[in-house]
Amino acid sequence: MLDHDARLDAVFRALSEPARRAIVLRLSRGSASVSELAEPLAMSLAAVVQHVQALEQSGLVTTHKTGRVRTCMLDPQAIGLAESWLSQRRLQWEGHFDRLGAVLAEDTNPASERKS
């Protein structure tokens, strides 16, 4: 369980940075070289490389090098880990909201209706 929690923490830590989210968004459309990832970002190529390394350490991105070109791609398992955690929280909160709605609906009934 600790390994699972550590991986989840690493994924969310990596996604906490806007440039990394932009990189993940771009990679959701398909693999890309680091240079292609850097094009729309207002930062140096070296900074993009550091962001890619952080994403790679989190497990969100895998890379491979062919010659001088480093190609990046998303790891669907890591995305699935975050998605699963968020889905579980969503279901939990929906249950809380349903119960809150029931309590509020009960409170809006006049006192005379509750006694009957």
N, C-alpha and C. Protein backbone atom coordinates (compact mmCIF):
# COMPACT_ATOMS: atom_id res chain seq x y z
N MET A 1 0.82 -1.20 0.00
CA MET A 1 0.00 0.00 0.00
C MET A 1 0.87 1.26 0.00
N LEU A 2 1.98 1.23 0.72
CA LEU A 2 2.85 2.39 0.78
C LEU A 2 3.39 2.75 -0.60
N ASP A 3 3.78 1.74 -1.37
CA ASP A 3 4.27 2.00 -2.72
C ASP A 3 3.19 2.67 -3.56
N HIS A 4 1.96 2.20 -3.45
CA HIS A 4 0.83 2.78 -4.17
C HIS A 4 0.66 4.25 -3.77
N ASP A 5 0.69 4.53 -2.47
CA ASP A 5 0.54 5.90 -1.98
C ASP A 5 1.69 6.78 -2.44
N ALA A 6 2.90 6.25 -2.41
CA ALA A 6 4.06 7.02 -2.84
C ALA A 6 3.96 7.35 -4.33
N ARG A 7 3.51 6.40 -5.14
CA ARG A 7 3.35 6.66 -6.58
C ARG A 7 2.28 7.72 -6.81
N LEU A 8 1.17 7.61 -6.07
CA LEU A 8 0.09 8.58 -6.21
C LEU A 8 0.57 9.98 -5.82
N ASP A 9 1.31 10.07 -4.72
CA ASP A 9 1.87 11.36 -4.30
C ASP A 9 2.77 11.93 -5.39
N ALA A 10 3.60 11.10 -5.98
CA ALA A 10 4.53 11.56 -7.03
C ALA A 10 3.76 12.06 -8.25
N VAL A 11 2.69 11.38 -8.60
CA VAL A 11 1.88 11.80 -9.76
C VAL A 11 1.26 13.17 -9.50
N PHE A 12 0.63 13.34 -8.34
CA PHE A 12 0.00 14.63 -8.05
C PHE A 12 1.03 15.73 -7.86
N ARG A 13 2.18 15.42 -7.29
CA ARG A 13 3.24 16.41 -7.14
C ARG A 13 3.70 16.88 -8.53
N ALA A 14 3.85 15.94 -9.44
CA ALA A 14 4.28 16.30 -10.79
C ALA A 14 3.23 17.14 -11.50
N LEU A 15 1.96 16.83 -11.27
CA LEU A 15 0.89 17.56 -11.94
C LEU A 15 0.58 18.91 -11.28
N SER A 16 1.24 19.21 -10.18
CA SER A 16 0.96 20.47 -9.49
C SER A 16 1.56 21.67 -10.21
N GLU A 17 2.39 21.45 -11.19
CA GLU A 17 3.08 22.52 -11.90
C GLU A 17 2.41 22.73 -13.26
N PRO A 18 2.02 23.97 -13.59
CA PRO A 18 1.30 24.24 -14.85
C PRO A 18 2.04 23.80 -16.12
N ALA A 19 3.35 23.99 -16.17
CA ALA A 19 4.09 23.58 -17.37
C ALA A 19 4.05 22.07 -17.55
N ARG A 20 4.10 21.35 -16.45
CA ARG A 20 4.04 19.88 -16.55
C ARG A 20 2.65 19.44 -17.00
N ARG A 21 1.61 20.12 -16.52
CA ARG A 21 0.26 19.79 -16.97
C ARG A 21 0.13 20.06 -18.47
N ALA A 22 0.75 21.14 -18.94
CA ALA A 22 0.72 21.45 -20.38
C ALA A 22 1.44 20.36 -21.17
N ILE A 23 2.54 19.87 -20.65
CA ILE A 23 3.27 18.79 -21.32
C ILE A 23 2.42 17.53 -21.35
N VAL A 24 1.78 17.19 -20.23
CA VAL A 24 0.93 16.00 -20.18
C VAL A 24 -0.23 16.15 -21.16
N LEU A 25 -0.83 17.34 -21.21
CA LEU A 25 -1.92 17.59 -22.15
C LEU A 25 -1.45 17.37 -23.58
N ARG A 26 -0.28 17.88 -23.93
CA ARG A 26 0.25 17.70 -25.28
C ARG A 26 0.51 16.22 -25.56
N LEU A 27 1.07 15.51 -24.58
CA LEU A 27 1.36 14.09 -24.78
C LEU A 27 0.11 13.23 -24.82
N SER A 28 -1.01 13.74 -24.34
CA SER A 28 -2.26 12.99 -24.43
C SER A 28 -2.71 12.85 -25.88
N ARG A 29 -2.16 13.67 -26.76
CA ARG A 29 -2.47 13.58 -28.20
C ARG A 29 -1.49 12.69 -28.95
N GLY A 30 -0.45 12.24 -28.25
CA GLY A 30 0.53 11.37 -28.89
C GLY A 30 1.94 11.72 -28.47
N SER A 31 2.86 10.85 -28.77
CA SER A 31 4.24 11.06 -28.36
C SER A 31 4.83 12.29 -29.06
N ALA A 32 5.85 12.86 -28.44
CA ALA A 32 6.49 14.06 -28.99
C ALA A 32 7.93 14.12 -28.50
N SER A 33 8.75 14.78 -29.28
CA SER A 33 10.14 15.00 -28.85
C SER A 33 10.16 16.13 -27.83
N VAL A 34 11.24 16.21 -27.07
CA VAL A 34 11.38 17.28 -26.09
C VAL A 34 11.34 18.63 -26.80
N SER A 35 11.94 18.73 -27.97
CA SER A 35 11.91 19.99 -28.73
C SER A 35 10.48 20.37 -29.10
N GLU A 36 9.69 19.40 -29.52
CA GLU A 36 8.28 19.68 -29.85
C GLU A 36 7.51 20.12 -28.61
N LEU A 37 7.81 19.52 -27.48
CA LEU A 37 7.14 19.92 -26.24
C LEU A 37 7.52 21.34 -25.84
N ALA A 38 8.75 21.74 -26.15
CA ALA A 38 9.24 23.06 -25.76
C ALA A 38 8.68 24.19 -26.61
N GLU A 39 8.29 23.89 -27.85
CA GLU A 39 7.85 24.94 -28.78
C GLU A 39 6.82 25.91 -28.20
N PRO A 40 5.70 25.44 -27.65
CA PRO A 40 4.69 26.39 -27.19
C PRO A 40 4.97 26.97 -25.79
N LEU A 41 5.98 26.47 -25.11
CA LEU A 41 6.24 26.91 -23.74
C LEU A 41 7.23 28.06 -23.72
N ALA A 42 6.98 29.03 -22.87
CA ALA A 42 7.85 30.20 -22.76
C ALA A 42 8.96 29.93 -21.75
N MET A 43 9.82 28.96 -22.09
CA MET A 43 10.96 28.63 -21.23
C MET A 43 12.04 27.98 -22.07
N SER A 44 13.20 27.88 -21.49
CA SER A 44 14.33 27.30 -22.22
C SER A 44 14.15 25.79 -22.41
N LEU A 45 14.87 25.27 -23.36
CA LEU A 45 14.85 23.83 -23.61
C LEU A 45 15.34 23.08 -22.37
N ALA A 46 16.33 23.63 -21.69
CA ALA A 46 16.85 23.00 -20.47
C ALA A 46 15.78 22.91 -19.38
N ALA A 47 14.95 23.94 -19.27
CA ALA A 47 13.86 23.93 -18.28
C ALA A 47 12.82 22.87 -18.65
N VAL A 48 12.53 22.73 -19.93
CA VAL A 48 11.58 21.71 -20.38
C VAL A 48 12.14 20.32 -20.07
N VAL A 49 13.42 20.13 -20.29
CA VAL A 49 14.06 18.85 -19.99
C VAL A 49 13.89 18.53 -18.50
N GLN A 50 14.06 19.52 -17.63
CA GLN A 50 13.88 19.29 -16.20
C GLN A 50 12.44 18.89 -15.87
N HIS A 51 11.47 19.53 -16.54
CA HIS A 51 10.07 19.17 -16.31
C HIS A 51 9.79 17.75 -16.81
N VAL A 52 10.34 17.41 -17.94
CA VAL A 52 10.17 16.05 -18.47
C VAL A 52 10.78 15.04 -17.51
N GLN A 53 11.95 15.36 -16.96
CA GLN A 53 12.59 14.45 -16.00
C GLN A 53 11.71 14.27 -14.76
N ALA A 54 11.09 15.34 -14.29
CA ALA A 54 10.19 15.24 -13.12
C ALA A 54 8.99 14.37 -13.45
N LEU A 55 8.45 14.53 -14.65
CA LEU A 55 7.32 13.70 -15.08
C LEU A 55 7.74 12.24 -15.22
N GLU A 56 8.95 12.04 -15.69
CA GLU A 56 9.46 10.68 -15.84
C GLU A 56 9.67 10.03 -14.47
N GLN A 57 10.20 10.78 -13.52
CA GLN A 57 10.41 10.25 -12.17
C GLN A 57 9.09 9.90 -11.49
N SER A 58 8.03 10.65 -11.81
CA SER A 58 6.72 10.38 -11.23
C SER A 58 6.06 9.16 -11.85
N GLY A 59 6.56 8.74 -13.01
CA GLY A 59 5.98 7.61 -13.71
C GLY A 59 4.93 8.01 -14.74
N LEU A 60 4.65 9.31 -14.85
CA LEU A 60 3.64 9.76 -15.82
C LEU A 60 4.13 9.67 -17.27
N VAL A 61 5.42 9.84 -17.45
CA VAL A 61 5.99 9.90 -18.79
C VAL A 61 7.15 8.92 -18.90
N THR A 62 7.24 8.29 -20.05
CA THR A 62 8.42 7.48 -20.36
C THR A 62 9.11 8.13 -21.56
N THR A 63 10.41 7.95 -21.64
CA THR A 63 11.15 8.53 -22.77
C THR A 63 12.09 7.47 -23.35
N HIS A 64 12.42 7.68 -24.58
CA HIS A 64 13.48 6.87 -25.20
C HIS A 64 14.24 7.76 -26.17
N LYS A 65 15.50 7.47 -26.31
CA LYS A 65 16.37 8.30 -27.13
C LYS A 65 16.80 7.53 -28.37
N THR A 66 16.63 8.17 -29.51
CA THR A 66 17.08 7.63 -30.78
C THR A 66 17.99 8.69 -31.40
N GLY A 67 19.27 8.40 -31.41
CA GLY A 67 20.23 9.40 -31.90
C GLY A 67 20.27 10.57 -30.92
N ARG A 68 19.97 11.76 -31.45
CA ARG A 68 19.97 12.96 -30.61
C ARG A 68 18.57 13.37 -30.17
N VAL A 69 17.57 12.58 -30.55
CA VAL A 69 16.18 12.95 -30.27
C VAL A 69 15.63 12.11 -29.12
N ARG A 70 15.14 12.80 -28.08
CA ARG A 70 14.49 12.12 -26.95
C ARG A 70 12.99 12.28 -27.15
N THR A 71 12.30 11.13 -27.29
CA THR A 71 10.86 11.10 -27.51
C THR A 71 10.16 10.74 -26.21
N CYS A 72 9.08 11.45 -25.93
CA CYS A 72 8.32 11.27 -24.69
C CYS A 72 6.93 10.73 -25.01
N MET A 73 6.41 9.91 -24.09
CA MET A 73 5.03 9.43 -24.22
C MET A 73 4.44 9.24 -22.83
N LEU A 74 3.12 9.34 -22.74
CA LEU A 74 2.44 9.15 -21.47
C LEU A 74 2.40 7.68 -21.10
N ASP A 75 2.44 7.41 -19.80
CA ASP A 75 2.24 6.06 -19.29
C ASP A 75 0.80 5.98 -18.80
N PRO A 76 -0.07 5.26 -19.51
CA PRO A 76 -1.48 5.22 -19.14
C PRO A 76 -1.74 4.66 -17.75
N GLN A 77 -0.87 3.81 -17.24
CA GLN A 77 -1.07 3.25 -15.90
C GLN A 77 -0.99 4.34 -14.83
N ALA A 78 -0.04 5.26 -14.97
CA ALA A 78 0.10 6.33 -13.99
C ALA A 78 -1.10 7.27 -14.04
N ILE A 79 -1.56 7.58 -15.24
CA ILE A 79 -2.76 8.41 -15.38
C ILE A 79 -3.95 7.68 -14.78
N GLY A 80 -4.03 6.39 -15.00
CA GLY A 80 -5.12 5.58 -14.46
C GLY A 80 -5.11 5.57 -12.93
N LEU A 81 -3.94 5.60 -12.34
CA LEU A 81 -3.81 5.64 -10.89
C LEU A 81 -4.46 6.90 -10.33
N ALA A 82 -4.15 8.04 -10.92
CA ALA A 82 -4.73 9.30 -10.47
C ALA A 82 -6.23 9.33 -10.76
N GLU A 83 -6.61 8.85 -11.91
CA GLU A 83 -8.03 8.84 -12.28
C GLU A 83 -8.84 7.96 -11.32
N SER A 84 -8.30 6.83 -10.95
CA SER A 84 -8.98 5.93 -10.02
C SER A 84 -9.16 6.60 -8.65
N TRP A 85 -8.11 7.24 -8.17
CA TRP A 85 -8.18 7.92 -6.87
C TRP A 85 -9.24 9.02 -6.91
N LEU A 86 -9.24 9.82 -7.98
CA LEU A 86 -10.21 10.90 -8.11
C LEU A 86 -11.64 10.36 -8.22
N SER A 87 -11.83 9.28 -8.93
CA SER A 87 -13.16 8.68 -9.07
C SER A 87 -13.69 8.20 -7.73
N GLN A 88 -12.82 7.61 -6.93
CA GLN A 88 -13.24 7.15 -5.60
C GLN A 88 -13.66 8.34 -4.74
N ARG A 89 -12.90 9.43 -4.79
CA ARG A 89 -13.25 10.62 -4.02
C ARG A 89 -14.56 11.22 -4.52
N ARG A 90 -14.78 11.21 -5.84
CA ARG A 90 -16.01 11.76 -6.41
C ARG A 90 -17.22 10.98 -5.91
N LEU A 91 -17.12 9.67 -5.93
CA LEU A 91 -18.23 8.84 -5.44
C LEU A 91 -18.51 9.10 -3.96
N GLN A 92 -17.45 9.25 -3.20
CA GLN A 92 -17.59 9.52 -1.77
C GLN A 92 -18.30 10.86 -1.55
N TRP A 93 -17.88 11.89 -2.29
CA TRP A 93 -18.49 13.21 -2.11
C TRP A 93 -19.92 13.24 -2.63
N GLU A 94 -20.21 12.51 -3.69
CA GLU A 94 -21.59 12.46 -4.17
C GLU A 94 -22.50 11.87 -3.11
N GLY A 95 -22.02 10.85 -2.39
CA GLY A 95 -22.79 10.27 -1.29
C GLY A 95 -23.03 11.28 -0.19
N HIS A 96 -22.00 12.07 0.13
CA HIS A 96 -22.15 13.11 1.15
C HIS A 96 -23.18 14.15 0.72
N PHE A 97 -23.11 14.55 -0.53
CA PHE A 97 -24.04 15.56 -1.03
C PHE A 97 -25.47 15.02 -1.07
N ASP A 98 -25.63 13.75 -1.42
CA ASP A 98 -26.97 13.14 -1.42
C ASP A 98 -27.56 13.16 -0.01
N ARG A 99 -26.75 12.80 0.98
CA ARG A 99 -27.23 12.81 2.37
C ARG A 99 -27.54 14.23 2.83
N LEU A 100 -26.70 15.19 2.45
CA LEU A 100 -26.94 16.59 2.80
C LEU A 100 -28.23 17.08 2.16
N GLY A 101 -28.46 16.72 0.91
CA GLY A 101 -29.69 17.09 0.22
C GLY A 101 -30.92 16.54 0.92
N ALA A 102 -30.82 15.31 1.38
CA ALA A 102 -31.95 14.70 2.09
C ALA A 102 -32.22 15.43 3.40
N VAL A 103 -31.18 15.80 4.12
CA VAL A 103 -31.35 16.53 5.39
C VAL A 103 -31.95 17.90 5.11
N LEU A 104 -31.46 18.59 4.11
CA LEU A 104 -31.98 19.92 3.79
C LEU A 104 -33.43 19.84 3.32
N ALA A 105 -33.77 18.82 2.56
CA ALA A 105 -35.15 18.65 2.11
C ALA A 105 -36.06 18.40 3.30
N GLU A 106 -35.58 17.65 4.27
CA GLU A 106 -36.36 17.37 5.47
C GLU A 106 -36.56 18.65 6.28
N ASP A 107 -35.55 19.51 6.34
CA ASP A 107 -35.64 20.76 7.10
C ASP A 107 -36.56 21.78 6.45
N THR A 108 -36.80 21.67 5.16
CA THR A 108 -37.66 22.64 4.49
C THR A 108 -39.13 22.32 4.66
N ASN A 109 -39.46 21.11 5.13
CA ASN A 109 -40.85 20.75 5.39
C ASN A 109 -41.34 21.49 6.63
N PRO A 110 -42.56 22.06 6.61
CA PRO A 110 -43.08 22.72 7.80
C PRO A 110 -43.19 21.72 8.94
N ALA A 111 -43.11 22.23 10.16
CA ALA A 111 -43.14 21.38 11.36
C ALA A 111 -44.39 20.54 11.43
N SER A 112 -45.52 21.08 10.95
CA SER A 112 -46.77 20.33 11.01
C SER A 112 -46.73 19.11 10.10
N GLU A 113 -46.05 19.22 8.97
CA GLU A 113 -45.96 18.07 8.05
C GLU A 113 -45.06 16.98 8.61
N ARG A 114 -44.03 17.35 9.38
CA ARG A 114 -43.12 16.37 9.93
C ARG A 114 -43.79 15.50 11.00
N LYS A 115 -44.74 16.10 11.71
CA LYS A 115 -45.39 15.37 12.80
C LYS A 115 -46.42 14.39 12.28
N SER A 116 -46.93 14.56 11.08
CA SER A 116 -47.98 13.68 10.58
C SER A 116 -47.47 12.43 9.97
